[in-house]
Amino acid sequence: MKTIAVIGGSQKQTLEKLARKQGCGIIFHSGKTGKKREKEFLPILRKADCVVVMAGALSHPSMWTVREVAEKLGKPIVYHQGFGATGALKKGVALID
């Protein structure tokens, strides 16, 4: 089963429900971090096949850290403008298909 990391927002349960319907897994992180951003995001991104960043729902420093870690790990990344779980998941599914 392919796994999508969704970073940002607050719709974890909705994303998990939608992912089950699509036959994929979700690893969710709200994007809220302390000073050790890379240490928080690294294990999540290692487990994921691709990354969706909810661009309007997390801080710029967190977004930049996610981008850097994804690039280091060679994970495809896409940015979703807005807060919609359905649109974010569609972008993630498109990356792994």
PDB file of N, CA and C in Angstrom:
ATOM      1  N   MET A   1       0.844  -1.178   0.000  1.00  0.00           N
ATOM      2  CA  MET A   1       0.000   0.000   0.000  1.00  0.00           C
ATOM      3  C   MET A   1       0.892   1.246   0.000  1.00  0.00           C
ATOM      4  N   LYS A   2       0.579   2.170  -0.882  1.00  0.00           N
ATOM      5  CA  LYS A   2       1.324   3.422  -0.961  1.00  0.00           C
ATOM      6  C   LYS A   2       0.906   4.342   0.185  1.00  0.00           C
ATOM      7  N   THR A   3       1.854   5.153   0.652  1.00  0.00           N
ATOM      8  CA  THR A   3       1.603   6.044   1.778  1.00  0.00           C
ATOM      9  C   THR A   3       1.902   7.480   1.394  1.00  0.00           C
ATOM     10  N   ILE A   4       0.976   8.365   1.753  1.00  0.00           N
ATOM     11  CA  ILE A   4       1.101   9.792   1.475  1.00  0.00           C
ATOM     12  C   ILE A   4       1.298  10.528   2.791  1.00  0.00           C
ATOM     13  N   ALA A   5       2.320  11.362   2.873  1.00  0.00           N
ATOM     14  CA  ALA A   5       2.499  12.242   4.031  1.00  0.00           C
ATOM     15  C   ALA A   5       1.799  13.556   3.720  1.00  0.00           C
ATOM     16  N   VAL A   6       0.897  13.961   4.593  1.00  0.00           N
ATOM     17  CA  VAL A   6       0.217  15.243   4.449  1.00  0.00           C
ATOM     18  C   VAL A   6       0.680  16.123   5.597  1.00  0.00           C
ATOM     19  N   ILE A   7       1.295  17.243   5.255  1.00  0.00           N
ATOM     20  CA  ILE A   7       1.842  18.149   6.257  1.00  0.00           C
ATOM     21  C   ILE A   7       1.050  19.446   6.241  1.00  0.00           C
ATOM     22  N   GLY A   8       0.481  19.793   7.392  1.00  0.00           N
ATOM     23  CA  GLY A   8      -0.275  21.035   7.538  1.00  0.00           C
ATOM     24  C   GLY A   8      -1.758  20.780   7.683  1.00  0.00           C
ATOM     25  N   GLY A   9      -2.399  21.666   8.394  1.00  0.00           N
ATOM     26  CA  GLY A   9      -3.843  21.569   8.546  1.00  0.00           C
ATOM     27  C   GLY A   9      -4.264  20.850   9.810  1.00  0.00           C
ATOM     28  N   SER A  10      -5.537  20.492   9.845  1.00  0.00           N
ATOM     29  CA  SER A  10      -6.089  19.868  11.050  1.00  0.00           C
ATOM     30  C   SER A  10      -7.144  18.812  10.721  1.00  0.00           C
ATOM     31  N   GLN A  11      -7.103  18.262   9.525  1.00  0.00           N
ATOM     32  CA  GLN A  11      -8.154  17.336   9.087  1.00  0.00           C
ATOM     33  C   GLN A  11      -7.684  15.885   9.047  1.00  0.00           C
ATOM     34  N   LYS A  12      -6.990  15.473  10.074  1.00  0.00           N
ATOM     35  CA  LYS A  12      -6.420  14.129  10.104  1.00  0.00           C
ATOM     36  C   LYS A  12      -7.474  13.043   9.883  1.00  0.00           C
ATOM     37  N   GLN A  13      -8.570  13.084  10.619  1.00  0.00           N
ATOM     38  CA  GLN A  13      -9.583  12.031  10.502  1.00  0.00           C
ATOM     39  C   GLN A  13     -10.209  12.000   9.112  1.00  0.00           C
ATOM     40  N   THR A  14     -10.477  13.160   8.557  1.00  0.00           N
ATOM     41  CA  THR A  14     -11.046  13.226   7.208  1.00  0.00           C
ATOM     42  C   THR A  14     -10.076  12.646   6.191  1.00  0.00           C
ATOM     43  N   LEU A  15      -8.808  13.010   6.303  1.00  0.00           N
ATOM     44  CA  LEU A  15      -7.793  12.490   5.386  1.00  0.00           C
ATOM     45  C   LEU A  15      -7.677  10.971   5.492  1.00  0.00           C
ATOM     46  N   GLU A  16      -7.692  10.456   6.711  1.00  0.00           N
ATOM     47  CA  GLU A  16      -7.591   9.005   6.896  1.00  0.00           C
ATOM     48  C   GLU A  16      -8.781   8.285   6.263  1.00  0.00           C
ATOM     49  N   LYS A  17      -9.965   8.828   6.439  1.00  0.00           N
ATOM     50  CA  LYS A  17     -11.171   8.231   5.860  1.00  0.00           C
ATOM     51  C   LYS A  17     -11.107   8.240   4.333  1.00  0.00           C
ATOM     52  N   LEU A  18     -10.727   9.377   3.756  1.00  0.00           N
ATOM     53  CA  LEU A  18     -10.620   9.487   2.300  1.00  0.00           C
ATOM     54  C   LEU A  18      -9.528   8.573   1.751  1.00  0.00           C
ATOM     55  N   ALA A  19      -8.419   8.455   2.475  1.00  0.00           N
ATOM     56  CA  ALA A  19      -7.313   7.604   2.023  1.00  0.00           C
ATOM     57  C   ALA A  19      -7.725   6.138   1.986  1.00  0.00           C
ATOM     58  N   ARG A  20      -8.467   5.698   2.989  1.00  0.00           N
ATOM     59  CA  ARG A  20      -8.944   4.306   2.990  1.00  0.00           C
ATOM     60  C   ARG A  20      -9.776   4.021   1.748  1.00  0.00           C
ATOM     61  N   LYS A  21     -10.617   4.971   1.370  1.00  0.00           N
ATOM     62  CA  LYS A  21     -11.447   4.797   0.171  1.00  0.00           C
ATOM     63  C   LYS A  21     -10.599   4.711  -1.094  1.00  0.00           C
ATOM     64  N   GLN A  22      -9.451   5.391  -1.091  1.00  0.00           N
ATOM     65  CA  GLN A  22      -8.554   5.386  -2.252  1.00  0.00           C
ATOM     66  C   GLN A  22      -7.565   4.222  -2.218  1.00  0.00           C
ATOM     67  N   GLY A  23      -7.535   3.478  -1.116  1.00  0.00           N
ATOM     68  CA  GLY A  23      -6.628   2.345  -1.005  1.00  0.00           C
ATOM     69  C   GLY A  23      -5.194   2.735  -0.721  1.00  0.00           C
ATOM     70  N   CYS A  24      -5.011   3.828  -0.012  1.00  0.00           N
ATOM     71  CA  CYS A  24      -3.657   4.242   0.350  1.00  0.00           C
ATOM     72  C   CYS A  24      -3.621   4.634   1.824  1.00  0.00           C
ATOM     73  N   GLY A  25      -2.415   4.770   2.343  1.00  0.00           N
ATOM     74  CA  GLY A  25      -2.232   5.158   3.734  1.00  0.00           C
ATOM     75  C   GLY A  25      -1.879   6.629   3.849  1.00  0.00           C
ATOM     76  N   ILE A  26      -2.111   7.170   5.033  1.00  0.00           N
ATOM     77  CA  ILE A  26      -1.813   8.580   5.302  1.00  0.00           C
ATOM     78  C   ILE A  26      -0.953   8.672   6.548  1.00  0.00           C
ATOM     79  N   ILE A  27       0.049   9.510   6.487  1.00  0.00           N
ATOM     80  CA  ILE A  27       0.775   9.928   7.681  1.00  0.00           C
ATOM     81  C   ILE A  27       0.550  11.427   7.767  1.00  0.00           C
ATOM     82  N   PHE A  28      -0.054  11.871   8.844  1.00  0.00           N
ATOM     83  CA  PHE A  28      -0.434  13.277   8.975  1.00  0.00           C
ATOM     84  C   PHE A  28       0.417  13.967  10.026  1.00  0.00           C
ATOM     85  N   HIS A  29       0.789  15.203   9.741  1.00  0.00           N
ATOM     86  CA  HIS A  29       1.452  16.069  10.723  1.00  0.00           C
ATOM     87  C   HIS A  29       0.875  17.460  10.542  1.00  0.00           C
ATOM     88  N   SER A  30       0.497  18.090  11.633  1.00  0.00           N
ATOM     89  CA  SER A  30      -0.140  19.409  11.560  1.00  0.00           C
ATOM     90  C   SER A  30       0.796  20.496  11.046  1.00  0.00           C
ATOM     91  N   GLY A  31       2.098  20.248  11.099  1.00  0.00           N
ATOM     92  CA  GLY A  31       3.065  21.256  10.679  1.00  0.00           C
ATOM     93  C   GLY A  31       3.557  22.109  11.823  1.00  0.00           C
ATOM     94  N   LYS A  32       2.917  21.981  12.966  1.00  0.00           N
ATOM     95  CA  LYS A  32       3.342  22.747  14.142  1.00  0.00           C
ATOM     96  C   LYS A  32       4.507  22.026  14.786  1.00  0.00           C
ATOM     97  N   THR A  33       5.618  22.734  14.910  1.00  0.00           N
ATOM     98  CA  THR A  33       6.833  22.119  15.434  1.00  0.00           C
ATOM     99  C   THR A  33       7.529  23.054  16.407  1.00  0.00           C
ATOM    100  N   GLY A  34       8.491  22.489  17.089  1.00  0.00           N
ATOM    101  CA  GLY A  34       9.388  23.284  17.912  1.00  0.00           C
ATOM    102  C   GLY A  34      10.580  23.694  17.062  1.00  0.00           C
ATOM    103  N   LYS A  35      11.702  23.836  17.691  1.00  0.00           N
ATOM    104  CA  LYS A  35      12.902  24.281  16.970  1.00  0.00           C
ATOM    105  C   LYS A  35      13.571  23.155  16.184  1.00  0.00           C
ATOM    106  N   LYS A  36      13.296  21.922  16.533  1.00  0.00           N
ATOM    107  CA  LYS A  36      13.928  20.766  15.872  1.00  0.00           C
ATOM    108  C   LYS A  36      13.038  20.247  14.751  1.00  0.00           C
ATOM    109  N   ARG A  37      12.757  21.084  13.777  1.00  0.00           N
ATOM    110  CA  ARG A  37      11.824  20.725  12.701  1.00  0.00           C
ATOM    111  C   ARG A  37      12.264  19.492  11.924  1.00  0.00           C
ATOM    112  N   GLU A  38      13.525  19.456  11.542  1.00  0.00           N
ATOM    113  CA  GLU A  38      13.984  18.337  10.715  1.00  0.00           C
ATOM    114  C   GLU A  38      13.819  17.010  11.446  1.00  0.00           C
ATOM    115  N   LYS A  39      14.096  16.985  12.745  1.00  0.00           N
ATOM    116  CA  LYS A  39      13.950  15.748  13.515  1.00  0.00           C
ATOM    117  C   LYS A  39      12.497  15.283  13.571  1.00  0.00           C
ATOM    118  N   GLU A  40      11.554  16.214  13.524  1.00  0.00           N
ATOM    119  CA  GLU A  40      10.139  15.832  13.539  1.00  0.00           C
ATOM    120  C   GLU A  40       9.685  15.306  12.186  1.00  0.00           C
ATOM    121  N   PHE A  41      10.151  15.930  11.110  1.00  0.00           N
ATOM    122  CA  PHE A  41       9.664  15.571   9.785  1.00  0.00           C
ATOM    123  C   PHE A  41      10.401  14.386   9.166  1.00  0.00           C
ATOM    124  N   LEU A  42      11.644  14.170   9.511  1.00  0.00           N
ATOM    125  CA  LEU A  42      12.450  13.122   8.882  1.00  0.00           C
ATOM    126  C   LEU A  42      11.819  11.730   8.987  1.00  0.00           C
ATOM    127  N   PRO A  43      11.409  11.257  10.174  1.00  0.00           N
ATOM    128  CA  PRO A  43      10.820   9.908  10.222  1.00  0.00           C
ATOM    129  C   PRO A  43       9.510   9.790   9.446  1.00  0.00           C
ATOM    130  N   ILE A  44       8.746  10.851   9.407  1.00  0.00           N
ATOM    131  CA  ILE A  44       7.478  10.841   8.667  1.00  0.00           C
ATOM    132  C   ILE A  44       7.746  10.711   7.176  1.00  0.00           C
ATOM    133  N   LEU A  45       8.651  11.530   6.674  1.00  0.00           N
ATOM    134  CA  LEU A  45       8.926  11.527   5.237  1.00  0.00           C
ATOM    135  C   LEU A  45       9.646  10.262   4.796  1.00  0.00           C
ATOM    136  N   ARG A  46      10.416   9.652   5.675  1.00  0.00           N
ATOM    137  CA  ARG A  46      11.070   8.380   5.335  1.00  0.00           C
ATOM    138  C   ARG A  46      10.038   7.296   5.032  1.00  0.00           C
ATOM    139  N   LYS A  47       8.946   7.294   5.796  1.00  0.00           N
ATOM    140  CA  LYS A  47       7.917   6.263   5.644  1.00  0.00           C
ATOM    141  C   LYS A  47       6.990   6.513   4.461  1.00  0.00           C
ATOM    142  N   ALA A  48       6.957   7.734   3.959  1.00  0.00           N
ATOM    143  CA  ALA A  48       5.995   8.108   2.915  1.00  0.00           C
ATOM    144  C   ALA A  48       6.549   7.863   1.517  1.00  0.00           C
ATOM    145  N   ASP A  49       5.640   7.621   0.579  1.00  0.00           N
ATOM    146  CA  ASP A  49       6.013   7.503  -0.832  1.00  0.00           C
ATOM    147  C   ASP A  49       6.001   8.857  -1.524  1.00  0.00           C
ATOM    148  N   CYS A  50       5.195   9.788  -1.006  1.00  0.00           N
ATOM    149  CA  CYS A  50       5.159  11.149  -1.532  1.00  0.00           C
ATOM    150  C   CYS A  50       4.681  12.088  -0.429  1.00  0.00           C
ATOM    151  N   VAL A  51       4.810  13.391  -0.679  1.00  0.00           N
ATOM    152  CA  VAL A  51       4.495  14.400   0.329  1.00  0.00           C
ATOM    153  C   VAL A  51       3.557  15.441  -0.262  1.00  0.00           C
ATOM    154  N   VAL A  52       2.494  15.758   0.485  1.00  0.00           N
ATOM    155  CA  VAL A  52       1.592  16.851   0.131  1.00  0.00           C
ATOM    156  C   VAL A  52       1.716  17.896   1.230  1.00  0.00           C
ATOM    157  N   VAL A  53       2.056  19.113   0.846  1.00  0.00           N
ATOM    158  CA  VAL A  53       2.158  20.220   1.795  1.00  0.00           C
ATOM    159  C   VAL A  53       0.926  21.100   1.638  1.00  0.00           C
ATOM    160  N   MET A  54       0.189  21.271   2.717  1.00  0.00           N
ATOM    161  CA  MET A  54      -0.970  22.169   2.734  1.00  0.00           C
ATOM    162  C   MET A  54      -0.412  23.575   2.950  1.00  0.00           C
ATOM    163  N   ALA A  55      -0.095  24.248   1.861  1.00  0.00           N
ATOM    164  CA  ALA A  55       0.692  25.477   1.906  1.00  0.00           C
ATOM    165  C   ALA A  55       0.081  26.578   2.766  1.00  0.00           C
ATOM    166  N   GLY A  56      -1.217  26.675   2.826  1.00  0.00           N
ATOM    167  CA  GLY A  56      -1.831  27.728   3.620  1.00  0.00           C
ATOM    168  C   GLY A  56      -2.038  27.363   5.071  1.00  0.00           C
ATOM    169  N   ALA A  57      -1.594  26.178   5.462  1.00  0.00           N
ATOM    170  CA  ALA A  57      -1.924  25.685   6.794  1.00  0.00           C
ATOM    171  C   ALA A  57      -0.712  25.364   7.666  1.00  0.00           C
ATOM    172  N   LEU A  58       0.453  25.896   7.308  1.00  0.00           N
ATOM    173  CA  LEU A  58       1.620  25.724   8.164  1.00  0.00           C
ATOM    174  C   LEU A  58       2.576  26.879   7.932  1.00  0.00           C
ATOM    175  N   SER A  59       3.526  27.016   8.836  1.00  0.00           N
ATOM    176  CA  SER A  59       4.455  28.147   8.762  1.00  0.00           C
ATOM    177  C   SER A  59       5.441  27.968   7.612  1.00  0.00           C
ATOM    178  N   HIS A  60       5.975  29.089   7.148  1.00  0.00           N
ATOM    179  CA  HIS A  60       6.975  29.023   6.080  1.00  0.00           C
ATOM    180  C   HIS A  60       8.213  28.235   6.504  1.00  0.00           C
ATOM    181  N   PRO A  61       8.747  28.444   7.726  1.00  0.00           N
ATOM    182  CA  PRO A  61       9.914  27.637   8.109  1.00  0.00           C
ATOM    183  C   PRO A  61       9.633  26.129   8.079  1.00  0.00           C
ATOM    184  N   SER A  62       8.445  25.720   8.509  1.00  0.00           N
ATOM    185  CA  SER A  62       8.106  24.293   8.445  1.00  0.00           C
ATOM    186  C   SER A  62       8.016  23.823   6.999  1.00  0.00           C
ATOM    187  N   MET A  63       7.416  24.640   6.149  1.00  0.00           N
ATOM    188  CA  MET A  63       7.288  24.289   4.735  1.00  0.00           C
ATOM    189  C   MET A  63       8.669  24.134   4.094  1.00  0.00           C
ATOM    190  N   TRP A  64       9.565  25.046   4.389  1.00  0.00           N
ATOM    191  CA  TRP A  64      10.915  24.966   3.823  1.00  0.00           C
ATOM    192  C   TRP A  64      11.644  23.729   4.330  1.00  0.00           C
ATOM    193  N   THR A  65      11.479  23.411   5.606  1.00  0.00           N
ATOM    194  CA  THR A  65      12.133  22.224   6.159  1.00  0.00           C
ATOM    195  C   THR A  65      11.600  20.957   5.502  1.00  0.00           C
ATOM    196  N   VAL A  66      10.289  20.870   5.332  1.00  0.00           N
ATOM    197  CA  VAL A  66       9.696  19.700   4.667  1.00  0.00           C
ATOM    198  C   VAL A  66      10.257  19.570   3.254  1.00  0.00           C
ATOM    199  N   ARG A  67      10.339  20.680   2.533  1.00  0.00           N
ATOM    200  CA  ARG A  67      10.869  20.643   1.169  1.00  0.00           C
ATOM    201  C   ARG A  67      12.314  20.140   1.158  1.00  0.00           C
ATOM    202  N   GLU A  68      13.140  20.655   2.070  1.00  0.00           N
ATOM    203  CA  GLU A  68      14.546  20.238   2.127  1.00  0.00           C
ATOM    204  C   GLU A  68      14.679  18.750   2.443  1.00  0.00           C
ATOM    205  N   VAL A  69      13.921  18.278   3.421  1.00  0.00           N
ATOM    206  CA  VAL A  69      13.995  16.863   3.805  1.00  0.00           C
ATOM    207  C   VAL A  69      13.491  15.975   2.670  1.00  0.00           C
ATOM    208  N   ALA A  70      12.400  16.360   2.033  1.00  0.00           N
ATOM    209  CA  ALA A  70      11.869  15.576   0.910  1.00  0.00           C
ATOM    210  C   ALA A  70      12.889  15.493  -0.224  1.00  0.00           C
ATOM    211  N   GLU A  71      13.545  16.603  -0.517  1.00  0.00           N
ATOM    212  CA  GLU A  71      14.563  16.596  -1.575  1.00  0.00           C
ATOM    213  C   GLU A  71      15.730  15.694  -1.207  1.00  0.00           C
ATOM    214  N   LYS A  72      16.177  15.735   0.051  1.00  0.00           N
ATOM    215  CA  LYS A  72      17.278  14.873   0.500  1.00  0.00           C
ATOM    216  C   LYS A  72      16.920  13.399   0.347  1.00  0.00           C
ATOM    217  N   LEU A  73      15.663  13.069   0.639  1.00  0.00           N
ATOM    218  CA  LEU A  73      15.212  11.678   0.580  1.00  0.00           C
ATOM    219  C   LEU A  73      14.739  11.261  -0.810  1.00  0.00           C
ATOM    220  N   GLY A  74      14.667  12.207  -1.727  1.00  0.00           N
ATOM    221  CA  GLY A  74      14.205  11.905  -3.077  1.00  0.00           C
ATOM    222  C   GLY A  74      12.711  11.626  -3.158  1.00  0.00           C
ATOM    223  N   LYS A  75      11.950  12.220  -2.263  1.00  0.00           N
ATOM    224  CA  LYS A  75      10.495  12.015  -2.242  1.00  0.00           C
ATOM    225  C   LYS A  75       9.812  13.079  -3.088  1.00  0.00           C
ATOM    226  N   PRO A  76       8.876  12.685  -3.937  1.00  0.00           N
ATOM    227  CA  PRO A  76       8.129  13.688  -4.703  1.00  0.00           C
ATOM    228  C   PRO A  76       7.260  14.516  -3.760  1.00  0.00           C
ATOM    229  N   ILE A  77       7.145  15.805  -4.060  1.00  0.00           N
ATOM    230  CA  ILE A  77       6.409  16.718  -3.198  1.00  0.00           C
ATOM    231  C   ILE A  77       5.501  17.597  -4.047  1.00  0.00           C
ATOM    232  N   VAL A  78       4.311  17.876  -3.530  1.00  0.00           N
ATOM    233  CA  VAL A  78       3.367  18.748  -4.213  1.00  0.00           C
ATOM    234  C   VAL A  78       2.770  19.679  -3.159  1.00  0.00           C
ATOM    235  N   TYR A  79       2.420  20.876  -3.597  1.00  0.00           N
ATOM    236  CA  TYR A  79       1.856  21.884  -2.699  1.00  0.00           C
ATOM    237  C   TYR A  79       0.380  22.069  -3.013  1.00  0.00           C
ATOM    238  N   HIS A  80      -0.432  22.043  -1.961  1.00  0.00           N
ATOM    239  CA  HIS A  80      -1.875  22.243  -2.109  1.00  0.00           C
ATOM    240  C   HIS A  80      -2.228  23.593  -1.501  1.00  0.00           C
ATOM    241  N   GLN A  81      -2.750  24.479  -2.325  1.00  0.00           N
ATOM    242  CA  GLN A  81      -3.195  25.785  -1.839  1.00  0.00           C
ATOM    243  C   GLN A  81      -4.573  25.609  -1.232  1.00  0.00           C
ATOM    244  N   GLY A  82      -4.746  26.058  -0.032  1.00  0.00           N
ATOM    245  CA  GLY A  82      -6.039  25.926   0.620  1.00  0.00           C
ATOM    246  C   GLY A  82      -6.003  24.890   1.719  1.00  0.00           C
ATOM    247  N   PHE A  83      -7.195  24.555   2.203  1.00  0.00           N
ATOM    248  CA  PHE A  83      -7.298  23.691   3.368  1.00  0.00           C
ATOM    249  C   PHE A  83      -8.088  22.417   3.107  1.00  0.00           C
ATOM    250  N   GLY A  84      -8.526  22.179   1.880  1.00  0.00           N
ATOM    251  CA  GLY A  84      -9.395  21.047   1.574  1.00  0.00           C
ATOM    252  C   GLY A  84      -8.683  19.710   1.582  1.00  0.00           C
ATOM    253  N   ALA A  85      -9.216  18.781   2.363  1.00  0.00           N
ATOM    254  CA  ALA A  85      -8.638  17.445   2.459  1.00  0.00           C
ATOM    255  C   ALA A  85      -8.782  16.673   1.152  1.00  0.00           C
ATOM    256  N   THR A  86      -9.917  16.819   0.487  1.00  0.00           N
ATOM    257  CA  THR A  86     -10.155  16.084  -0.756  1.00  0.00           C
ATOM    258  C   THR A  86      -9.152  16.478  -1.830  1.00  0.00           C
ATOM    259  N   GLY A  87      -8.944  17.762  -2.016  1.00  0.00           N
ATOM    260  CA  GLY A  87      -7.993  18.237  -3.019  1.00  0.00           C
ATOM    261  C   GLY A  87      -6.571  17.826  -2.701  1.00  0.00           C
ATOM    262  N   ALA A  88      -6.203  17.885  -1.431  1.00  0.00           N
ATOM    263  CA  ALA A  88      -4.854  17.490  -1.020  1.00  0.00           C
ATOM    264  C   ALA A  88      -4.621  16.014  -1.305  1.00  0.00           C
ATOM    265  N   LEU A  89      -5.600  15.186  -0.968  1.00  0.00           N
ATOM    266  CA  LEU A  89      -5.446  13.752  -1.199  1.00  0.00           C
ATOM    267  C   LEU A  89      -5.382  13.435  -2.691  1.00  0.00           C
ATOM    268  N   LYS A  90      -6.190  14.109  -3.489  1.00  0.00           N
ATOM    269  CA  LYS A  90      -6.152  13.894  -4.942  1.00  0.00           C
ATOM    270  C   LYS A  90      -4.765  14.186  -5.494  1.00  0.00           C
ATOM    271  N   LYS A  91      -4.135  15.252  -5.018  1.00  0.00           N
ATOM    272  CA  LYS A  91      -2.781  15.574  -5.487  1.00  0.00           C
ATOM    273  C   LYS A  91      -1.784  14.502  -5.074  1.00  0.00           C
ATOM    274  N   GLY A  92      -1.925  13.981  -3.867  1.00  0.00           N
ATOM    275  CA  GLY A  92      -1.036  12.917  -3.414  1.00  0.00           C
ATOM    276  C   GLY A  92      -1.218  11.637  -4.207  1.00  0.00           C
ATOM    277  N   VAL A  93      -2.456  11.259  -4.449  1.00  0.00           N
ATOM    278  CA  VAL A  93      -2.742  10.044  -5.227  1.00  0.00           C
ATOM    279  C   VAL A  93      -2.187  10.185  -6.642  1.00  0.00           C
ATOM    280  N   ALA A  94      -2.307  11.369  -7.223  1.00  0.00           N
ATOM    281  CA  ALA A  94      -1.770  11.599  -8.570  1.00  0.00           C
ATOM    282  C   ALA A  94      -0.252  11.422  -8.594  1.00  0.00           C
ATOM    283  N   LEU A  95       0.423  11.782  -7.503  1.00  0.00           N
ATOM    284  CA  LEU A  95       1.883  11.626  -7.449  1.00  0.00           C
ATOM    285  C   LEU A  95       2.310  10.162  -7.386  1.00  0.00           C
ATOM    286  N   ILE A  96       1.535   9.336  -6.705  1.00  0.00           N
ATOM    287  CA  ILE A  96       1.960   7.940  -6.530  1.00  0.00           C
ATOM    288  C   ILE A  96       1.413   7.006  -7.599  1.00  0.00           C
ATOM    289  N   ASP A  97       0.501   7.482  -8.410  1.00  0.00           N
ATOM    290  CA  ASP A  97      -0.030   6.645  -9.501  1.00  0.00           C
ATOM    291  C   ASP A  97       0.881   6.652 -10.702  1.00  0.00           C
TER     292      ASP A  97
END
